[in-house]
Amino acid sequence: MIDRRHQQKGYGREAMRLALDFIRTFPAGEAKYCWLSYEPENEVAKKLYASFGFEELPEQYEEGEEMPAVLKL
């Protein structure tokens, strides 16, 4: 989460890039996917995650819950 005063400066994108770079070193062992979830009405998050290749999993979404998304590593 990026404080409102510091949004739209690229910090979230850079944080996501760094996190994915770290995950791809497989620090906890080999993995095939990275999963996350977000509030479905959060269009900024949806767009950010999609830009990294995350795909929503609407078949696993339940009303009132967060939208799950997955990235093949």
PDB file of N, CA and C in Angstrom:
ATOM      1  N   MET A   1       0.845  -1.177   0.000  1.00  0.00           N
ATOM      2  CA  MET A   1       0.000   0.000   0.000  1.00  0.00           C
ATOM      3  C   MET A   1       0.891   1.240   0.000  1.00  0.00           C
ATOM      4  N   ILE A   2       0.531   2.163  -0.827  1.00  0.00           N
ATOM      5  CA  ILE A   2       1.277   3.412  -0.939  1.00  0.00           C
ATOM      6  C   ILE A   2       0.410   4.538  -0.375  1.00  0.00           C
ATOM      7  N   ASP A   3       0.981   5.314   0.531  1.00  0.00           N
ATOM      8  CA  ASP A   3       0.267   6.450   1.118  1.00  0.00           C
ATOM      9  C   ASP A   3      -0.284   7.344   0.010  1.00  0.00           C
ATOM     10  N   ARG A   4      -1.484   7.834   0.219  1.00  0.00           N
ATOM     11  CA  ARG A   4      -2.168   8.668  -0.768  1.00  0.00           C
ATOM     12  C   ARG A   4      -1.296   9.826  -1.270  1.00  0.00           C
ATOM     13  N   ARG A   5      -0.497  10.409  -0.379  1.00  0.00           N
ATOM     14  CA  ARG A   5       0.346  11.555  -0.753  1.00  0.00           C
ATOM     15  C   ARG A   5       1.464  11.168  -1.716  1.00  0.00           C
ATOM     16  N   HIS A   6       1.745   9.878  -1.817  1.00  0.00           N
ATOM     17  CA  HIS A   6       2.860   9.424  -2.646  1.00  0.00           C
ATOM     18  C   HIS A   6       2.422   8.536  -3.805  1.00  0.00           C
ATOM     19  N   GLN A   7       1.127   8.513  -4.077  1.00  0.00           N
ATOM     20  CA  GLN A   7       0.627   7.718  -5.187  1.00  0.00           C
ATOM     21  C   GLN A   7       0.878   8.432  -6.510  1.00  0.00           C
ATOM     22  N   GLN A   8       0.829   7.668  -7.577  1.00  0.00           N
ATOM     23  CA  GLN A   8       1.044   8.150  -8.949  1.00  0.00           C
ATOM     24  C   GLN A   8       2.453   8.693  -9.171  1.00  0.00           C
ATOM     25  N   LYS A   9       3.402   8.111  -8.431  1.00  0.00           N
ATOM     26  CA  LYS A   9       4.817   8.466  -8.601  1.00  0.00           C
ATOM     27  C   LYS A   9       5.637   7.255  -9.036  1.00  0.00           C
ATOM     28  N   GLY A  10       4.964   6.123  -9.271  1.00  0.00           N
ATOM     29  CA  GLY A  10       5.662   4.925  -9.720  1.00  0.00           C
ATOM     30  C   GLY A  10       6.175   4.036  -8.603  1.00  0.00           C
ATOM     31  N   TYR A  11       5.924   4.394  -7.348  1.00  0.00           N
ATOM     32  CA  TYR A  11       6.436   3.588  -6.232  1.00  0.00           C
ATOM     33  C   TYR A  11       5.786   2.206  -6.184  1.00  0.00           C
ATOM     34  N   GLY A  12       4.473   2.141  -6.428  1.00  0.00           N
ATOM     35  CA  GLY A  12       3.782   0.853  -6.410  1.00  0.00           C
ATOM     36  C   GLY A  12       4.292  -0.061  -7.507  1.00  0.00           C
ATOM     37  N   ARG A  13       4.487   0.483  -8.690  1.00  0.00           N
ATOM     38  CA  ARG A  13       4.996  -0.305  -9.821  1.00  0.00           C
ATOM     39  C   ARG A  13       6.408  -0.821  -9.511  1.00  0.00           C
ATOM     40  N   GLU A  14       7.245   0.043  -8.974  1.00  0.00           N
ATOM     41  CA  GLU A  14       8.615  -0.379  -8.647  1.00  0.00           C
ATOM     42  C   GLU A  14       8.608  -1.417  -7.526  1.00  0.00           C
ATOM     43  N   ALA A  15       7.759  -1.244  -6.532  1.00  0.00           N
ATOM     44  CA  ALA A  15       7.659  -2.223  -5.446  1.00  0.00           C
ATOM     45  C   ALA A  15       7.211  -3.577  -5.988  1.00  0.00           C
ATOM     46  N   MET A  16       6.232  -3.577  -6.894  1.00  0.00           N
ATOM     47  CA  MET A  16       5.761  -4.830  -7.487  1.00  0.00           C
ATOM     48  C   MET A  16       6.871  -5.478  -8.309  1.00  0.00           C
ATOM     49  N   ARG A  17       7.601  -4.683  -9.078  1.00  0.00           N
ATOM     50  CA  ARG A  17       8.705  -5.221  -9.875  1.00  0.00           C
ATOM     51  C   ARG A  17       9.755  -5.873  -8.981  1.00  0.00           C
ATOM     52  N   LEU A  18      10.125  -5.185  -7.906  1.00  0.00           N
ATOM     53  CA  LEU A  18      11.124  -5.729  -6.983  1.00  0.00           C
ATOM     54  C   LEU A  18      10.621  -6.993  -6.297  1.00  0.00           C
ATOM     55  N   ALA A  19       9.350  -6.992  -5.901  1.00  0.00           N
ATOM     56  CA  ALA A  19       8.779  -8.172  -5.244  1.00  0.00           C
ATOM     57  C   ALA A  19       8.795  -9.371  -6.192  1.00  0.00           C
ATOM     58  N   LEU A  20       8.387  -9.154  -7.441  1.00  0.00           N
ATOM     59  CA  LEU A  20       8.380 -10.258  -8.401  1.00  0.00           C
ATOM     60  C   LEU A  20       9.790 -10.729  -8.736  1.00  0.00           C
ATOM     61  N   ASP A  21      10.729  -9.801  -8.823  1.00  0.00           N
ATOM     62  CA  ASP A  21      12.124 -10.202  -9.045  1.00  0.00           C
ATOM     63  C   ASP A  21      12.595 -11.106  -7.916  1.00  0.00           C
ATOM     64  N   PHE A  22      12.256 -10.758  -6.683  1.00  0.00           N
ATOM     65  CA  PHE A  22      12.644 -11.569  -5.528  1.00  0.00           C
ATOM     66  C   PHE A  22      11.945 -12.928  -5.565  1.00  0.00           C
ATOM     67  N   ILE A  23      10.644 -12.937  -5.826  1.00  0.00           N
ATOM     68  CA  ILE A  23       9.893 -14.190  -5.880  1.00  0.00           C
ATOM     69  C   ILE A  23      10.485 -15.127  -6.921  1.00  0.00           C
ATOM     70  N   ARG A  24      10.943 -14.568  -8.019  1.00  0.00           N
ATOM     71  CA  ARG A  24      11.510 -15.395  -9.092  1.00  0.00           C
ATOM     72  C   ARG A  24      12.884 -15.981  -8.741  1.00  0.00           C
ATOM     73  N   THR A  25      13.463 -15.605  -7.605  1.00  0.00           N
ATOM     74  CA  THR A  25      14.684 -16.258  -7.128  1.00  0.00           C
ATOM     75  C   THR A  25      14.327 -17.529  -6.359  1.00  0.00           C
ATOM     76  N   PHE A  26      13.034 -17.775  -6.177  1.00  0.00           N
ATOM     77  CA  PHE A  26      12.509 -18.948  -5.489  1.00  0.00           C
ATOM     78  C   PHE A  26      13.126 -19.120  -4.100  1.00  0.00           C
ATOM     79  N   PRO A  27      13.017 -18.083  -3.237  1.00  0.00           N
ATOM     80  CA  PRO A  27      13.637 -18.141  -1.913  1.00  0.00           C
ATOM     81  C   PRO A  27      13.047 -19.215  -1.009  1.00  0.00           C
ATOM     82  N   ALA A  28      11.833 -19.664  -1.286  1.00  0.00           N
ATOM     83  CA  ALA A  28      11.203 -20.706  -0.465  1.00  0.00           C
ATOM     84  C   ALA A  28      11.042 -21.995  -1.262  1.00  0.00           C
ATOM     85  N   GLY A  29      11.819 -22.132  -2.332  1.00  0.00           N
ATOM     86  CA  GLY A  29      11.718 -23.301  -3.190  1.00  0.00           C
ATOM     87  C   GLY A  29      11.014 -22.952  -4.486  1.00  0.00           C
ATOM     88  N   GLU A  30      11.089 -23.851  -5.436  1.00  0.00           N
ATOM     89  CA  GLU A  30      10.519 -23.594  -6.752  1.00  0.00           C
ATOM     90  C   GLU A  30       9.005 -23.444  -6.676  1.00  0.00           C
ATOM     91  N   ALA A  31       8.506 -22.520  -7.464  1.00  0.00           N
ATOM     92  CA  ALA A  31       7.067 -22.272  -7.550  1.00  0.00           C
ATOM     93  C   ALA A  31       6.711 -22.049  -9.010  1.00  0.00           C
ATOM     94  N   LYS A  32       5.484 -22.342  -9.369  1.00  0.00           N
ATOM     95  CA  LYS A  32       5.031 -22.155 -10.739  1.00  0.00           C
ATOM     96  C   LYS A  32       4.157 -20.913 -10.883  1.00  0.00           C
ATOM     97  N   TYR A  33       3.560 -20.470  -9.779  1.00  0.00           N
ATOM     98  CA  TYR A  33       2.614 -19.358  -9.840  1.00  0.00           C
ATOM     99  C   TYR A  33       2.796 -18.411  -8.666  1.00  0.00           C
ATOM    100  N   CYS A  34       2.408 -17.171  -8.896  1.00  0.00           N
ATOM    101  CA  CYS A  34       2.318 -16.166  -7.836  1.00  0.00           C
ATOM    102  C   CYS A  34       0.858 -15.723  -7.796  1.00  0.00           C
ATOM    103  N   TRP A  35       0.258 -15.789  -6.635  1.00  0.00           N
ATOM    104  CA  TRP A  35      -1.142 -15.430  -6.459  1.00  0.00           C
ATOM    105  C   TRP A  35      -1.248 -14.165  -5.628  1.00  0.00           C
ATOM    106  N   LEU A  36      -2.270 -13.374  -5.903  1.00  0.00           N
ATOM    107  CA  LEU A  36      -2.605 -12.224  -5.067  1.00  0.00           C
ATOM    108  C   LEU A  36      -4.095 -11.972  -5.184  1.00  0.00           C
ATOM    109  N   SER A  37      -4.597 -11.037  -4.417  1.00  0.00           N
ATOM    110  CA  SER A  37      -6.009 -10.669  -4.525  1.00  0.00           C
ATOM    111  C   SER A  37      -6.147  -9.191  -4.218  1.00  0.00           C
ATOM    112  N   TYR A  38      -7.238  -8.610  -4.687  1.00  0.00           N
ATOM    113  CA  TYR A  38      -7.476  -7.189  -4.490  1.00  0.00           C
ATOM    114  C   TYR A  38      -8.970  -6.916  -4.532  1.00  0.00           C
ATOM    115  N   GLU A  39      -9.353  -5.773  -3.999  1.00  0.00           N
ATOM    116  CA  GLU A  39     -10.753  -5.370  -4.019  1.00  0.00           C
ATOM    117  C   GLU A  39     -11.186  -5.181  -5.470  1.00  0.00           C
ATOM    118  N   PRO A  40     -12.252  -5.825  -5.920  1.00  0.00           N
ATOM    119  CA  PRO A  40     -12.631  -5.770  -7.334  1.00  0.00           C
ATOM    120  C   PRO A  40     -12.934  -4.373  -7.854  1.00  0.00           C
ATOM    121  N   GLU A  41     -13.332  -3.451  -6.996  1.00  0.00           N
ATOM    122  CA  GLU A  41     -13.610  -2.086  -7.452  1.00  0.00           C
ATOM    123  C   GLU A  41     -12.346  -1.230  -7.570  1.00  0.00           C
ATOM    124  N   ASN A  42     -11.193  -1.773  -7.179  1.00  0.00           N
ATOM    125  CA  ASN A  42      -9.938  -1.040  -7.244  1.00  0.00           C
ATOM    126  C   ASN A  42      -9.342  -1.171  -8.658  1.00  0.00           C
ATOM    127  N   GLU A  43      -9.784  -0.294  -9.535  1.00  0.00           N
ATOM    128  CA  GLU A  43      -9.353  -0.340 -10.936  1.00  0.00           C
ATOM    129  C   GLU A  43      -7.858  -0.070 -11.099  1.00  0.00           C
ATOM    130  N   VAL A  44      -7.280   0.747 -10.221  1.00  0.00           N
ATOM    131  CA  VAL A  44      -5.848   1.037 -10.307  1.00  0.00           C
ATOM    132  C   VAL A  44      -5.047  -0.236 -10.032  1.00  0.00           C
ATOM    133  N   ALA A  45      -5.427  -0.968  -8.987  1.00  0.00           N
ATOM    134  CA  ALA A  45      -4.736  -2.224  -8.676  1.00  0.00           C
ATOM    135  C   ALA A  45      -4.911  -3.225  -9.806  1.00  0.00           C
ATOM    136  N   LYS A  46      -6.131  -3.340 -10.306  1.00  0.00           N
ATOM    137  CA  LYS A  46      -6.412  -4.270 -11.405  1.00  0.00           C
ATOM    138  C   LYS A  46      -5.514  -3.975 -12.601  1.00  0.00           C
ATOM    139  N   LYS A  47      -5.405  -2.717 -12.964  1.00  0.00           N
ATOM    140  CA  LYS A  47      -4.580  -2.318 -14.107  1.00  0.00           C
ATOM    141  C   LYS A  47      -3.086  -2.580 -13.840  1.00  0.00           C
ATOM    142  N   LEU A  48      -2.636  -2.258 -12.640  1.00  0.00           N
ATOM    143  CA  LEU A  48      -1.231  -2.485 -12.285  1.00  0.00           C
ATOM    144  C   LEU A  48      -0.891  -3.967 -12.375  1.00  0.00           C
ATOM    145  N   TYR A  49      -1.687  -4.814 -11.730  1.00  0.00           N
ATOM    146  CA  TYR A  49      -1.396  -6.240 -11.727  1.00  0.00           C
ATOM    147  C   TYR A  49      -1.482  -6.834 -13.130  1.00  0.00           C
ATOM    148  N   ALA A  50      -2.464  -6.403 -13.902  1.00  0.00           N
ATOM    149  CA  ALA A  50      -2.590  -6.889 -15.284  1.00  0.00           C
ATOM    150  C   ALA A  50      -1.362  -6.510 -16.102  1.00  0.00           C
ATOM    151  N   SER A  51      -0.784  -5.340 -15.840  1.00  0.00           N
ATOM    152  CA  SER A  51       0.393  -4.909 -16.595  1.00  0.00           C
ATOM    153  C   SER A  51       1.603  -5.802 -16.335  1.00  0.00           C
ATOM    154  N   PHE A  52       1.584  -6.528 -15.217  1.00  0.00           N
ATOM    155  CA  PHE A  52       2.654  -7.475 -14.905  1.00  0.00           C
ATOM    156  C   PHE A  52       2.313  -8.887 -15.374  1.00  0.00           C
ATOM    157  N   GLY A  53       1.128  -9.045 -15.936  1.00  0.00           N
ATOM    158  CA  GLY A  53       0.740 -10.344 -16.455  1.00  0.00           C
ATOM    159  C   GLY A  53      -0.202 -11.144 -15.577  1.00  0.00           C
ATOM    160  N   PHE A  54      -0.636 -10.582 -14.448  1.00  0.00           N
ATOM    161  CA  PHE A  54      -1.584 -11.286 -13.595  1.00  0.00           C
ATOM    162  C   PHE A  54      -2.920 -11.401 -14.318  1.00  0.00           C
ATOM    163  N   GLU A  55      -3.552 -12.548 -14.187  1.00  0.00           N
ATOM    164  CA  GLU A  55      -4.855 -12.792 -14.791  1.00  0.00           C
ATOM    165  C   GLU A  55      -5.861 -13.067 -13.687  1.00  0.00           C
ATOM    166  N   GLU A  56      -6.999 -12.388 -13.762  1.00  0.00           N
ATOM    167  CA  GLU A  56      -8.059 -12.595 -12.782  1.00  0.00           C
ATOM    168  C   GLU A  56      -8.608 -14.008 -12.878  1.00  0.00           C
ATOM    169  N   LEU A  57      -9.114 -14.488 -11.753  1.00  0.00           N
ATOM    170  CA  LEU A  57      -9.740 -15.806 -11.679  1.00  0.00           C
ATOM    171  C   LEU A  57     -11.193 -15.627 -11.235  1.00  0.00           C
ATOM    172  N   PRO A  58     -12.037 -15.115 -12.122  1.00  0.00           N
ATOM    173  CA  PRO A  58     -13.422 -14.828 -11.723  1.00  0.00           C
ATOM    174  C   PRO A  58     -14.187 -16.071 -11.278  1.00  0.00           C
ATOM    175  N   GLU A  59     -13.805 -17.240 -11.760  1.00  0.00           N
ATOM    176  CA  GLU A  59     -14.488 -18.464 -11.350  1.00  0.00           C
ATOM    177  C   GLU A  59     -14.234 -18.795  -9.879  1.00  0.00           C
ATOM    178  N   GLN A  60     -13.191 -18.178  -9.287  1.00  0.00           N
ATOM    179  CA  GLN A  60     -12.895 -18.399  -7.872  1.00  0.00           C
ATOM    180  C   GLN A  60     -13.318 -17.213  -7.008  1.00  0.00           C
ATOM    181  N   TYR A  61     -13.911 -16.206  -7.635  1.00  0.00           N
ATOM    182  CA  TYR A  61     -14.347 -15.016  -6.920  1.00  0.00           C
ATOM    183  C   TYR A  61     -15.710 -15.255  -6.281  1.00  0.00           C
ATOM    184  N   GLU A  62     -15.859 -14.822  -5.040  1.00  0.00           N
ATOM    185  CA  GLU A  62     -17.140 -14.879  -4.351  1.00  0.00           C
ATOM    186  C   GLU A  62     -17.548 -13.458  -3.985  1.00  0.00           C
ATOM    187  N   GLU A  63     -18.816 -13.137  -4.193  1.00  0.00           N
ATOM    188  CA  GLU A  63     -19.345 -11.811  -3.884  1.00  0.00           C
ATOM    189  C   GLU A  63     -18.920 -11.381  -2.484  1.00  0.00           C
ATOM    190  N   GLY A  64     -18.418 -10.150  -2.390  1.00  0.00           N
ATOM    191  CA  GLY A  64     -17.990  -9.614  -1.100  1.00  0.00           C
ATOM    192  C   GLY A  64     -16.554  -9.949  -0.740  1.00  0.00           C
ATOM    193  N   GLU A  65     -15.883 -10.748  -1.555  1.00  0.00           N
ATOM    194  CA  GLU A  65     -14.496 -11.123  -1.299  1.00  0.00           C
ATOM    195  C   GLU A  65     -13.582 -10.372  -2.256  1.00  0.00           C
ATOM    196  N   GLU A  66     -12.284 -10.550  -2.077  1.00  0.00           N
ATOM    197  CA  GLU A  66     -11.331  -9.957  -3.012  1.00  0.00           C
ATOM    198  C   GLU A  66     -11.225 -10.804  -4.278  1.00  0.00           C
ATOM    199  N   MET A  67     -10.860 -10.143  -5.377  1.00  0.00           N
ATOM    200  CA  MET A  67     -10.680 -10.830  -6.650  1.00  0.00           C
ATOM    201  C   MET A  67      -9.316 -11.516  -6.667  1.00  0.00           C
ATOM    202  N   PRO A  68      -9.269 -12.823  -6.841  1.00  0.00           N
ATOM    203  CA  PRO A  68      -7.978 -13.498  -6.948  1.00  0.00           C
ATOM    204  C   PRO A  68      -7.401 -13.322  -8.358  1.00  0.00           C
ATOM    205  N   ALA A  69      -6.079 -13.257  -8.435  1.00  0.00           N
ATOM    206  CA  ALA A  69      -5.380 -13.169  -9.710  1.00  0.00           C
ATOM    207  C   ALA A  69      -4.090 -13.991  -9.601  1.00  0.00           C
ATOM    208  N   VAL A  70      -3.642 -14.502 -10.727  1.00  0.00           N
ATOM    209  CA  VAL A  70      -2.475 -15.384 -10.724  1.00  0.00           C
ATOM    210  C   VAL A  70      -1.535 -14.999 -11.853  1.00  0.00           C
ATOM    211  N   LEU A  71      -0.252 -15.197 -11.600  1.00  0.00           N
ATOM    212  CA  LEU A  71       0.802 -14.951 -12.586  1.00  0.00           C
ATOM    213  C   LEU A  71       1.622 -16.225 -12.713  1.00  0.00           C
ATOM    214  N   LYS A  72       1.762 -16.744 -13.934  1.00  0.00           N
ATOM    215  CA  LYS A  72       2.638 -17.898 -14.154  1.00  0.00           C
ATOM    216  C   LYS A  72       4.075 -17.391 -14.136  1.00  0.00           C
ATOM    217  N   LEU A  73       4.900 -18.003 -13.292  1.00  0.00           N
ATOM    218  CA  LEU A  73       6.296 -17.564 -13.155  1.00  0.00           C
ATOM    219  C   LEU A  73       7.168 -18.163 -14.231  1.00  0.00           C
TER     220      LEU A  73
END
